[in-house]
N, C-alpha and C. Protein backbone atom coordinates (compact mmCIF):
# COMPACT_ATOMS: atom_id res chain seq x y z
N MET A 1 126.81 -6.78 -132.98
CA MET A 1 126.25 -7.94 -132.32
C MET A 1 126.99 -8.17 -130.99
N VAL A 2 126.21 -8.51 -129.97
CA VAL A 2 126.76 -8.86 -128.66
C VAL A 2 126.33 -10.28 -128.34
N ILE A 3 127.28 -11.08 -127.87
CA ILE A 3 126.95 -12.44 -127.45
C ILE A 3 127.15 -12.56 -125.94
N TYR A 4 126.10 -13.02 -125.28
CA TYR A 4 126.12 -13.33 -123.86
C TYR A 4 126.07 -14.85 -123.75
N VAL A 5 126.92 -15.44 -122.94
CA VAL A 5 126.90 -16.88 -122.75
C VAL A 5 126.38 -17.15 -121.34
N VAL A 6 125.38 -18.02 -121.25
CA VAL A 6 124.82 -18.39 -119.95
C VAL A 6 125.01 -19.89 -119.79
N THR A 7 125.70 -20.26 -118.71
CA THR A 7 126.03 -21.66 -118.46
C THR A 7 125.44 -22.12 -117.13
N GLY A 8 125.48 -23.41 -116.92
CA GLY A 8 125.04 -23.97 -115.66
C GLY A 8 125.02 -25.48 -115.73
N THR A 9 125.14 -26.09 -114.59
CA THR A 9 125.08 -27.54 -114.47
C THR A 9 123.71 -28.02 -114.92
N PRO A 10 123.64 -29.14 -115.64
CA PRO A 10 122.33 -29.65 -116.06
C PRO A 10 121.38 -29.79 -114.86
N GLY A 11 120.20 -29.20 -114.99
CA GLY A 11 119.20 -29.26 -113.94
C GLY A 11 119.17 -28.04 -113.04
N VAL A 12 120.04 -27.06 -113.29
CA VAL A 12 120.11 -25.88 -112.43
C VAL A 12 118.95 -24.90 -112.69
N GLY A 13 118.28 -25.05 -113.83
CA GLY A 13 117.20 -24.13 -114.18
C GLY A 13 117.65 -22.99 -115.06
N LYS A 14 118.77 -23.18 -115.73
CA LYS A 14 119.38 -22.17 -116.58
C LYS A 14 118.43 -21.66 -117.65
N THR A 15 117.80 -22.56 -118.36
CA THR A 15 116.90 -22.16 -119.44
C THR A 15 115.69 -21.42 -118.90
N SER A 16 115.18 -21.83 -117.77
CA SER A 16 114.05 -21.13 -117.14
C SER A 16 114.44 -19.70 -116.76
N VAL A 17 115.63 -19.54 -116.20
CA VAL A 17 116.11 -18.21 -115.82
C VAL A 17 116.26 -17.35 -117.08
N ILE A 18 116.85 -17.90 -118.12
CA ILE A 18 117.04 -17.15 -119.37
C ILE A 18 115.69 -16.71 -119.93
N ASN A 19 114.75 -17.66 -120.03
CA ASN A 19 113.45 -17.33 -120.62
C ASN A 19 112.72 -16.25 -119.84
N GLU A 20 112.83 -16.26 -118.54
CA GLU A 20 112.21 -15.22 -117.72
C GLU A 20 112.94 -13.89 -117.90
N ALA A 21 114.26 -13.94 -118.00
CA ALA A 21 115.06 -12.71 -118.09
C ALA A 21 114.89 -11.98 -119.42
N ILE A 22 114.62 -12.70 -120.49
CA ILE A 22 114.55 -12.04 -121.80
C ILE A 22 113.17 -11.53 -122.16
N LYS A 23 112.19 -11.73 -121.29
CA LYS A 23 110.86 -11.19 -121.57
C LYS A 23 110.98 -9.69 -121.82
N ASN A 24 110.35 -9.23 -122.89
CA ASN A 24 110.37 -7.82 -123.29
C ASN A 24 111.77 -7.33 -123.66
N LYS A 25 112.65 -8.22 -124.04
CA LYS A 25 113.99 -7.86 -124.50
C LYS A 25 114.13 -8.29 -125.96
N SER A 26 114.94 -7.59 -126.70
CA SER A 26 115.15 -7.96 -128.11
C SER A 26 116.43 -8.80 -128.23
N LEU A 27 116.44 -9.90 -127.52
CA LEU A 27 117.56 -10.83 -127.56
C LEU A 27 117.10 -12.15 -128.14
N LYS A 28 117.95 -12.75 -128.92
CA LYS A 28 117.67 -14.06 -129.47
C LYS A 28 118.38 -15.10 -128.60
N VAL A 29 117.67 -16.15 -128.20
CA VAL A 29 118.28 -17.22 -127.43
C VAL A 29 118.61 -18.38 -128.37
N VAL A 30 119.84 -18.83 -128.29
CA VAL A 30 120.29 -19.97 -129.09
C VAL A 30 120.85 -21.01 -128.13
N VAL A 31 120.31 -22.20 -128.17
CA VAL A 31 120.79 -23.29 -127.32
C VAL A 31 121.92 -24.00 -128.08
N PHE A 32 123.12 -23.84 -127.58
CA PHE A 32 124.30 -24.40 -128.25
C PHE A 32 124.11 -25.89 -128.52
N GLY A 33 123.66 -26.63 -127.52
CA GLY A 33 123.48 -28.07 -127.67
C GLY A 33 122.45 -28.45 -128.71
N ASP A 34 121.41 -27.63 -128.89
CA ASP A 34 120.40 -27.91 -129.92
C ASP A 34 120.99 -27.74 -131.32
N VAL A 35 121.76 -26.67 -131.50
CA VAL A 35 122.40 -26.44 -132.81
C VAL A 35 123.39 -27.56 -133.09
N MET A 36 124.17 -27.92 -132.08
CA MET A 36 125.16 -28.98 -132.24
C MET A 36 124.48 -30.32 -132.55
N PHE A 37 123.38 -30.59 -131.84
CA PHE A 37 122.64 -31.83 -132.09
C PHE A 37 122.09 -31.88 -133.52
N GLU A 38 121.54 -30.76 -133.98
CA GLU A 38 121.00 -30.73 -135.35
C GLU A 38 122.09 -31.02 -136.37
N LEU A 39 123.26 -30.43 -136.17
CA LEU A 39 124.38 -30.71 -137.09
C LEU A 39 124.78 -32.18 -137.03
N ALA A 40 124.83 -32.75 -135.83
CA ALA A 40 125.20 -34.17 -135.67
C ALA A 40 124.13 -35.08 -136.27
N ARG A 41 122.87 -34.74 -136.04
CA ARG A 41 121.76 -35.56 -136.56
C ARG A 41 121.73 -35.51 -138.09
N GLU A 42 121.88 -34.30 -138.64
CA GLU A 42 121.89 -34.15 -140.10
C GLU A 42 123.02 -34.95 -140.74
N SER A 43 124.11 -35.13 -140.02
CA SER A 43 125.24 -35.91 -140.51
C SER A 43 125.08 -37.40 -140.23
N GLY A 44 124.00 -37.79 -139.57
CA GLY A 44 123.75 -39.19 -139.25
C GLY A 44 124.61 -39.74 -138.12
N LEU A 45 125.13 -38.85 -137.27
CA LEU A 45 126.04 -39.28 -136.21
C LEU A 45 125.33 -39.75 -134.95
N VAL A 46 124.17 -39.15 -134.64
CA VAL A 46 123.42 -39.50 -133.44
C VAL A 46 121.92 -39.40 -133.72
N LYS A 47 121.14 -40.03 -132.85
CA LYS A 47 119.69 -39.97 -132.97
C LYS A 47 119.06 -39.15 -131.85
N SER A 48 119.78 -39.00 -130.71
CA SER A 48 119.26 -38.21 -129.60
C SER A 48 120.35 -37.29 -129.07
N LYS A 49 119.92 -36.22 -128.42
CA LYS A 49 120.86 -35.24 -127.88
C LYS A 49 121.77 -35.87 -126.82
N ASP A 50 121.20 -36.75 -126.00
CA ASP A 50 121.99 -37.37 -124.94
C ASP A 50 123.07 -38.30 -125.47
N GLU A 51 122.92 -38.80 -126.69
CA GLU A 51 123.94 -39.67 -127.29
C GLU A 51 125.24 -38.93 -127.58
N MET A 52 125.16 -37.62 -127.71
CA MET A 52 126.37 -36.86 -128.06
C MET A 52 127.46 -37.02 -127.02
N ARG A 53 127.07 -37.22 -125.76
CA ARG A 53 128.06 -37.36 -124.69
C ARG A 53 128.70 -38.74 -124.67
N SER A 54 128.04 -39.72 -125.27
CA SER A 54 128.55 -41.09 -125.15
C SER A 54 128.95 -41.74 -126.48
N VAL A 55 128.36 -41.32 -127.58
CA VAL A 55 128.58 -41.99 -128.86
C VAL A 55 129.69 -41.35 -129.69
N LEU A 56 129.75 -40.03 -129.67
CA LEU A 56 130.70 -39.33 -130.53
C LEU A 56 132.13 -39.43 -130.02
N SER A 57 133.07 -39.61 -130.93
CA SER A 57 134.47 -39.56 -130.55
C SER A 57 134.80 -38.13 -130.13
N LEU A 58 135.87 -37.98 -129.39
CA LEU A 58 136.26 -36.65 -128.94
C LEU A 58 136.59 -35.75 -130.12
N GLU A 59 137.23 -36.29 -131.14
CA GLU A 59 137.57 -35.49 -132.32
C GLU A 59 136.32 -35.02 -133.05
N THR A 60 135.35 -35.90 -133.22
CA THR A 60 134.08 -35.52 -133.87
C THR A 60 133.35 -34.49 -133.04
N TYR A 61 133.37 -34.67 -131.73
CA TYR A 61 132.73 -33.73 -130.81
C TYR A 61 133.33 -32.34 -130.98
N LYS A 62 134.66 -32.27 -131.04
CA LYS A 62 135.36 -31.00 -131.21
C LYS A 62 134.97 -30.33 -132.54
N GLN A 63 134.92 -31.12 -133.59
CA GLN A 63 134.55 -30.57 -134.90
C GLN A 63 133.13 -30.02 -134.89
N LEU A 64 132.23 -30.73 -134.22
CA LEU A 64 130.85 -30.26 -134.12
C LEU A 64 130.75 -28.98 -133.29
N GLN A 65 131.53 -28.89 -132.22
CA GLN A 65 131.56 -27.66 -131.42
C GLN A 65 131.98 -26.48 -132.28
N GLU A 66 133.02 -26.67 -133.06
CA GLU A 66 133.52 -25.57 -133.89
C GLU A 66 132.49 -25.15 -134.94
N LYS A 67 131.88 -26.12 -135.60
CA LYS A 67 130.85 -25.80 -136.60
C LYS A 67 129.66 -25.09 -135.95
N THR A 68 129.32 -25.51 -134.75
CA THR A 68 128.21 -24.88 -134.02
C THR A 68 128.55 -23.43 -133.70
N ALA A 69 129.76 -23.19 -133.22
CA ALA A 69 130.18 -21.82 -132.90
C ALA A 69 130.18 -20.95 -134.14
N GLU A 70 130.63 -21.48 -135.26
CA GLU A 70 130.62 -20.73 -136.53
C GLU A 70 129.20 -20.36 -136.92
N LYS A 71 128.30 -21.31 -136.79
CA LYS A 71 126.90 -21.05 -137.16
C LYS A 71 126.29 -19.97 -136.27
N ILE A 72 126.54 -20.05 -134.97
CA ILE A 72 125.99 -19.05 -134.04
C ILE A 72 126.61 -17.68 -134.30
N ALA A 73 127.91 -17.64 -134.51
CA ALA A 73 128.60 -16.36 -134.74
C ALA A 73 128.12 -15.68 -136.02
N SER A 74 127.59 -16.45 -136.96
CA SER A 74 127.12 -15.87 -138.22
C SER A 74 125.70 -15.31 -138.11
N MET A 75 125.03 -15.55 -136.99
CA MET A 75 123.67 -15.04 -136.80
C MET A 75 123.71 -13.54 -136.53
N SER A 76 122.60 -12.87 -136.81
CA SER A 76 122.56 -11.43 -136.59
C SER A 76 121.83 -11.09 -135.29
N GLY A 77 122.09 -9.89 -134.80
CA GLY A 77 121.44 -9.42 -133.58
C GLY A 77 122.19 -9.85 -132.33
N ASP A 78 121.71 -9.36 -131.20
CA ASP A 78 122.29 -9.73 -129.92
C ASP A 78 121.77 -11.10 -129.52
N ILE A 79 122.68 -11.95 -129.04
CA ILE A 79 122.36 -13.36 -128.82
C ILE A 79 122.72 -13.78 -127.39
N VAL A 80 121.84 -14.57 -126.80
CA VAL A 80 122.12 -15.26 -125.55
C VAL A 80 122.36 -16.72 -125.91
N VAL A 81 123.56 -17.21 -125.62
CA VAL A 81 123.89 -18.61 -125.89
C VAL A 81 123.66 -19.39 -124.61
N ASP A 82 122.71 -20.29 -124.64
CA ASP A 82 122.36 -21.17 -123.54
C ASP A 82 123.20 -22.43 -123.71
N THR A 83 124.15 -22.66 -122.79
CA THR A 83 125.07 -23.77 -122.97
C THR A 83 125.61 -24.27 -121.63
N HIS A 84 126.58 -25.14 -121.68
CA HIS A 84 127.22 -25.68 -120.47
C HIS A 84 128.70 -25.31 -120.49
N ALA A 85 129.23 -24.97 -119.32
CA ALA A 85 130.65 -24.65 -119.21
C ALA A 85 131.50 -25.89 -119.45
N SER A 86 130.94 -27.04 -119.10
CA SER A 86 131.61 -28.31 -119.37
C SER A 86 130.55 -29.36 -119.65
N THR A 87 131.00 -30.39 -120.32
CA THR A 87 130.12 -31.51 -120.63
C THR A 87 130.69 -32.74 -119.96
N LYS A 88 129.84 -33.42 -119.21
CA LYS A 88 130.28 -34.66 -118.57
C LYS A 88 130.06 -35.79 -119.55
N ARG A 89 131.16 -36.29 -120.08
CA ARG A 89 131.12 -37.41 -121.02
C ARG A 89 131.46 -38.69 -120.25
N VAL A 90 131.30 -39.82 -120.89
CA VAL A 90 131.63 -41.07 -120.22
C VAL A 90 133.12 -41.17 -119.91
N ASP A 91 133.95 -40.44 -120.68
CA ASP A 91 135.40 -40.50 -120.49
C ASP A 91 135.97 -39.32 -119.71
N GLY A 92 135.11 -38.45 -119.16
CA GLY A 92 135.57 -37.33 -118.34
C GLY A 92 134.86 -36.04 -118.70
N TYR A 93 135.26 -34.95 -118.05
CA TYR A 93 134.69 -33.64 -118.33
C TYR A 93 135.39 -33.03 -119.54
N PHE A 94 134.62 -32.39 -120.39
CA PHE A 94 135.18 -31.74 -121.57
C PHE A 94 134.70 -30.29 -121.59
N PRO A 95 135.58 -29.35 -121.94
CA PRO A 95 135.17 -27.94 -121.92
C PRO A 95 134.06 -27.66 -122.93
N GLY A 96 133.06 -26.93 -122.47
CA GLY A 96 131.96 -26.55 -123.34
C GLY A 96 132.31 -25.36 -124.22
N LEU A 97 133.30 -24.58 -123.79
CA LEU A 97 133.71 -23.39 -124.54
C LEU A 97 135.23 -23.38 -124.72
N PRO A 98 135.76 -24.40 -125.39
CA PRO A 98 137.21 -24.42 -125.59
C PRO A 98 137.64 -23.23 -126.46
N GLU A 99 138.92 -23.04 -126.57
CA GLU A 99 139.47 -21.87 -127.27
C GLU A 99 138.87 -21.67 -128.66
N TRP A 100 138.70 -22.74 -129.42
CA TRP A 100 138.19 -22.60 -130.79
C TRP A 100 136.73 -22.13 -130.80
N VAL A 101 136.00 -22.38 -129.75
CA VAL A 101 134.62 -21.89 -129.63
C VAL A 101 134.63 -20.44 -129.14
N LEU A 102 135.42 -20.16 -128.12
CA LEU A 102 135.51 -18.79 -127.58
C LEU A 102 135.93 -17.79 -128.64
N LYS A 103 136.90 -18.14 -129.46
CA LYS A 103 137.38 -17.22 -130.50
C LYS A 103 136.27 -16.86 -131.48
N LYS A 104 135.44 -17.83 -131.80
CA LYS A 104 134.36 -17.57 -132.75
C LYS A 104 133.20 -16.80 -132.12
N LEU A 105 132.88 -17.11 -130.87
CA LEU A 105 131.75 -16.45 -130.21
C LEU A 105 132.12 -15.08 -129.66
N ASN A 106 133.33 -14.93 -129.13
CA ASN A 106 133.79 -13.69 -128.53
C ASN A 106 132.73 -13.09 -127.59
N PRO A 107 132.38 -13.80 -126.52
CA PRO A 107 131.31 -13.31 -125.63
C PRO A 107 131.71 -12.07 -124.84
N LYS A 108 130.70 -11.25 -124.54
CA LYS A 108 130.90 -10.07 -123.70
C LYS A 108 131.01 -10.50 -122.24
N VAL A 109 130.22 -11.50 -121.86
CA VAL A 109 130.18 -11.98 -120.49
C VAL A 109 129.77 -13.46 -120.50
N ILE A 110 130.29 -14.19 -119.52
CA ILE A 110 129.83 -15.56 -119.30
C ILE A 110 129.17 -15.58 -117.93
N VAL A 111 127.92 -15.99 -117.92
CA VAL A 111 127.15 -16.08 -116.68
C VAL A 111 127.08 -17.54 -116.27
N VAL A 112 127.31 -17.78 -114.99
CA VAL A 112 127.17 -19.13 -114.43
C VAL A 112 125.95 -19.12 -113.52
N ILE A 113 124.97 -19.95 -113.85
CA ILE A 113 123.80 -20.12 -113.00
C ILE A 113 124.09 -21.30 -112.08
N GLU A 114 123.90 -21.09 -110.78
CA GLU A 114 124.14 -22.16 -109.81
C GLU A 114 122.93 -22.30 -108.90
N ALA A 115 122.88 -23.40 -108.18
CA ALA A 115 121.84 -23.66 -107.18
C ALA A 115 122.43 -24.64 -106.17
N ARG A 116 121.70 -24.83 -105.09
CA ARG A 116 122.14 -25.82 -104.10
C ARG A 116 122.14 -27.21 -104.77
N PRO A 117 123.16 -28.00 -104.49
CA PRO A 117 123.23 -29.34 -105.09
C PRO A 117 121.97 -30.18 -104.85
N SER A 118 121.39 -30.10 -103.66
CA SER A 118 120.17 -30.88 -103.38
C SER A 118 119.01 -30.43 -104.26
N GLU A 119 118.93 -29.13 -104.57
CA GLU A 119 117.87 -28.62 -105.45
C GLU A 119 118.08 -29.12 -106.88
N ILE A 120 119.32 -29.10 -107.34
CA ILE A 120 119.62 -29.58 -108.70
C ILE A 120 119.30 -31.07 -108.81
N GLU A 121 119.67 -31.82 -107.80
CA GLU A 121 119.40 -33.26 -107.80
C GLU A 121 117.90 -33.53 -107.94
N LEU A 122 117.08 -32.79 -107.20
CA LEU A 122 115.62 -32.95 -107.29
C LEU A 122 115.09 -32.54 -108.66
N ARG A 123 115.61 -31.44 -109.20
CA ARG A 123 115.16 -30.98 -110.52
C ARG A 123 115.49 -32.02 -111.59
N ARG A 124 116.66 -32.63 -111.48
CA ARG A 124 117.04 -33.66 -112.45
C ARG A 124 116.11 -34.86 -112.38
N LYS A 125 115.77 -35.25 -111.16
CA LYS A 125 114.89 -36.41 -111.00
C LYS A 125 113.50 -36.13 -111.57
N ASP A 126 113.06 -34.87 -111.48
CA ASP A 126 111.74 -34.49 -111.98
C ASP A 126 111.71 -34.27 -113.49
N ASP A 127 112.87 -34.14 -114.13
CA ASP A 127 112.94 -33.89 -115.57
C ASP A 127 112.90 -35.22 -116.32
N LEU A 128 111.73 -35.59 -116.79
CA LEU A 128 111.56 -36.86 -117.48
C LEU A 128 111.90 -36.76 -118.97
N THR A 129 112.26 -35.56 -119.44
CA THR A 129 112.56 -35.37 -120.85
C THR A 129 113.98 -35.74 -121.21
N ARG A 130 114.84 -35.93 -120.19
CA ARG A 130 116.25 -36.22 -120.45
C ARG A 130 116.68 -37.49 -119.74
N GLN A 131 117.75 -38.09 -120.26
CA GLN A 131 118.35 -39.28 -119.65
C GLN A 131 119.60 -38.81 -118.90
N ARG A 132 119.46 -38.62 -117.60
CA ARG A 132 120.57 -38.07 -116.82
C ARG A 132 121.01 -39.01 -115.71
N ALA A 133 120.87 -40.28 -115.91
CA ALA A 133 121.23 -41.25 -114.88
C ALA A 133 122.71 -41.19 -114.53
N ASP A 134 123.54 -40.78 -115.49
CA ASP A 134 124.99 -40.76 -115.26
C ASP A 134 125.47 -39.56 -114.46
N PHE A 135 124.58 -38.67 -114.08
CA PHE A 135 125.00 -37.47 -113.37
C PHE A 135 125.14 -37.68 -111.87
N GLY A 136 124.57 -38.73 -111.31
CA GLY A 136 124.74 -39.02 -109.89
C GLY A 136 123.99 -38.07 -108.99
N GLY A 137 124.32 -38.11 -107.69
CA GLY A 137 123.62 -37.33 -106.68
C GLY A 137 124.28 -36.00 -106.38
N ALA A 138 123.98 -35.49 -105.19
CA ALA A 138 124.43 -34.16 -104.78
C ALA A 138 125.96 -34.03 -104.79
N ASP A 139 126.68 -35.09 -104.41
CA ASP A 139 128.14 -35.03 -104.43
C ASP A 139 128.67 -34.80 -105.85
N GLN A 140 128.03 -35.45 -106.81
CA GLN A 140 128.42 -35.26 -108.21
C GLN A 140 128.09 -33.85 -108.68
N VAL A 141 126.99 -33.29 -108.19
CA VAL A 141 126.62 -31.91 -108.55
C VAL A 141 127.67 -30.94 -108.02
N ILE A 142 128.13 -31.15 -106.80
CA ILE A 142 129.17 -30.28 -106.22
C ILE A 142 130.42 -30.33 -107.10
N GLU A 143 130.83 -31.54 -107.46
CA GLU A 143 132.00 -31.69 -108.33
C GLU A 143 131.79 -30.96 -109.65
N TYR A 144 130.62 -31.16 -110.25
CA TYR A 144 130.31 -30.55 -111.55
C TYR A 144 130.32 -29.03 -111.45
N GLN A 145 129.72 -28.47 -110.40
CA GLN A 145 129.71 -27.01 -110.25
C GLN A 145 131.12 -26.47 -110.03
N ASN A 146 131.95 -27.20 -109.29
CA ASN A 146 133.34 -26.78 -109.08
C ASN A 146 134.13 -26.82 -110.39
N ILE A 147 133.93 -27.86 -111.16
CA ILE A 147 134.59 -27.97 -112.48
C ILE A 147 134.15 -26.80 -113.35
N ASN A 148 132.85 -26.50 -113.35
CA ASN A 148 132.34 -25.40 -114.18
C ASN A 148 132.96 -24.07 -113.79
N ARG A 149 133.09 -23.80 -112.51
CA ARG A 149 133.71 -22.54 -112.07
C ARG A 149 135.16 -22.46 -112.56
N ALA A 150 135.87 -23.56 -112.46
CA ALA A 150 137.27 -23.57 -112.91
C ALA A 150 137.35 -23.32 -114.42
N PHE A 151 136.49 -24.01 -115.18
CA PHE A 151 136.48 -23.80 -116.62
C PHE A 151 136.13 -22.36 -116.97
N VAL A 152 135.12 -21.80 -116.32
CA VAL A 152 134.70 -20.43 -116.64
C VAL A 152 135.81 -19.43 -116.30
N ALA A 153 136.54 -19.64 -115.23
CA ALA A 153 137.67 -18.76 -114.92
C ALA A 153 138.70 -18.81 -116.05
N ALA A 154 138.96 -20.00 -116.56
CA ALA A 154 139.90 -20.15 -117.67
C ALA A 154 139.36 -19.47 -118.93
N TYR A 155 138.07 -19.62 -119.21
CA TYR A 155 137.47 -18.98 -120.38
C TYR A 155 137.62 -17.47 -120.30
N SER A 156 137.39 -16.92 -119.11
CA SER A 156 137.52 -15.48 -118.92
C SER A 156 138.96 -15.03 -119.17
N ALA A 157 139.91 -15.79 -118.67
CA ALA A 157 141.32 -15.45 -118.88
C ALA A 157 141.70 -15.51 -120.35
N LEU A 158 141.16 -16.50 -121.07
CA LEU A 158 141.46 -16.65 -122.50
C LEU A 158 140.81 -15.56 -123.35
N SER A 159 139.58 -15.20 -123.02
CA SER A 159 138.82 -14.30 -123.88
C SER A 159 138.77 -12.86 -123.40
N GLY A 160 139.10 -12.64 -122.14
CA GLY A 160 139.02 -11.30 -121.58
C GLY A 160 137.60 -10.84 -121.27
N CYS A 161 136.66 -11.78 -121.21
CA CYS A 161 135.28 -11.41 -120.92
C CYS A 161 135.02 -11.42 -119.41
N LEU A 162 133.92 -10.80 -119.04
CA LEU A 162 133.49 -10.77 -117.65
C LEU A 162 132.87 -12.11 -117.25
N VAL A 163 132.83 -12.38 -115.95
CA VAL A 163 132.14 -13.55 -115.41
C VAL A 163 131.17 -13.05 -114.35
N LYS A 164 129.97 -13.59 -114.38
CA LYS A 164 128.93 -13.26 -113.37
C LYS A 164 128.35 -14.58 -112.88
N ILE A 165 128.23 -14.73 -111.56
CA ILE A 165 127.62 -15.93 -110.98
C ILE A 165 126.29 -15.52 -110.38
N ILE A 166 125.23 -16.24 -110.75
CA ILE A 166 123.88 -15.98 -110.27
C ILE A 166 123.33 -17.26 -109.65
N THR A 167 122.74 -17.14 -108.46
CA THR A 167 122.15 -18.29 -107.79
C THR A 167 120.66 -18.35 -108.11
N ASN A 168 120.21 -19.52 -108.55
CA ASN A 168 118.81 -19.77 -108.85
C ASN A 168 118.22 -20.62 -107.73
N GLU A 169 117.84 -19.96 -106.64
CA GLU A 169 117.28 -20.67 -105.50
C GLU A 169 115.87 -21.17 -105.81
N GLN A 170 115.52 -22.29 -105.22
CA GLN A 170 114.19 -22.86 -105.40
C GLN A 170 113.13 -21.82 -105.03
N GLY A 171 112.17 -21.60 -105.93
CA GLY A 171 111.09 -20.66 -105.69
C GLY A 171 111.46 -19.20 -105.89
N LYS A 172 112.68 -18.93 -106.37
CA LYS A 172 113.12 -17.54 -106.55
C LYS A 172 113.59 -17.29 -107.99
N LEU A 173 112.87 -17.86 -108.93
CA LEU A 173 113.19 -17.70 -110.35
C LEU A 173 113.18 -16.23 -110.77
N ILE A 174 112.19 -15.48 -110.34
CA ILE A 174 112.07 -14.07 -110.72
C ILE A 174 113.30 -13.28 -110.27
N GLU A 175 113.77 -13.54 -109.06
CA GLU A 175 114.95 -12.84 -108.55
C GLU A 175 116.20 -13.17 -109.37
N ALA A 176 116.37 -14.45 -109.70
CA ALA A 176 117.52 -14.86 -110.51
C ALA A 176 117.43 -14.24 -111.90
N ALA A 177 116.24 -14.23 -112.47
CA ALA A 177 116.04 -13.64 -113.80
C ALA A 177 116.34 -12.14 -113.79
N GLN A 178 115.96 -11.46 -112.73
CA GLN A 178 116.23 -10.02 -112.63
C GLN A 178 117.74 -9.76 -112.62
N LYS A 179 118.48 -10.59 -111.92
CA LYS A 179 119.95 -10.45 -111.90
C LYS A 179 120.54 -10.67 -113.30
N LEU A 180 120.00 -11.64 -114.01
CA LEU A 180 120.46 -11.89 -115.38
C LEU A 180 120.07 -10.74 -116.30
N ARG A 181 118.87 -10.23 -116.13
CA ARG A 181 118.40 -9.09 -116.94
C ARG A 181 119.35 -7.90 -116.80
N GLU A 182 119.89 -7.69 -115.61
CA GLU A 182 120.83 -6.60 -115.37
C GLU A 182 122.12 -6.79 -116.17
N VAL A 183 122.52 -8.04 -116.39
CA VAL A 183 123.70 -8.33 -117.19
C VAL A 183 123.47 -7.90 -118.63
N PHE A 184 122.23 -8.02 -119.11
CA PHE A 184 121.91 -7.71 -120.49
C PHE A 184 121.79 -6.21 -120.78
N LYS A 185 121.91 -5.36 -119.76
CA LYS A 185 121.79 -3.91 -119.96
C LYS A 185 123.02 -3.34 -120.63
């Protein structure tokens, strides 16, 4: 089994790039946050995915991350983990792939999907399916992308995996997906 981790700031188009890249590939996509939310919901801890950033204590959040990583690591086949390098909580940024998650997933590569801050800001405003009011404007996106790069560098140092940065420019989804597809070879 090979695990590829694909990260990006919320609104960067990460999931769209992944979905385009895996066409005609025998890869399973697992959204880390969806698995984590299901575990939290089943335990009666939250009612919505967005509540995980504000309602859960840091200790509970850590426990859920670890259980999520265990569940994903037990799956069969090659897996693309769709996740975030960091999570912006009300009390600060928290690593999306702390040591206890990295050890369980043991990724081959961590991919960071990025875009221009102004493009991400517009995508967030257009996404009516999520409550992202706390993410702020383009300045906050710059901060978030910088934090993500720092976290991913640390993850690579801890796990010994490769890092790849791919830009998802507006209107160039196919090009970004092709770059990601090359990572999966």
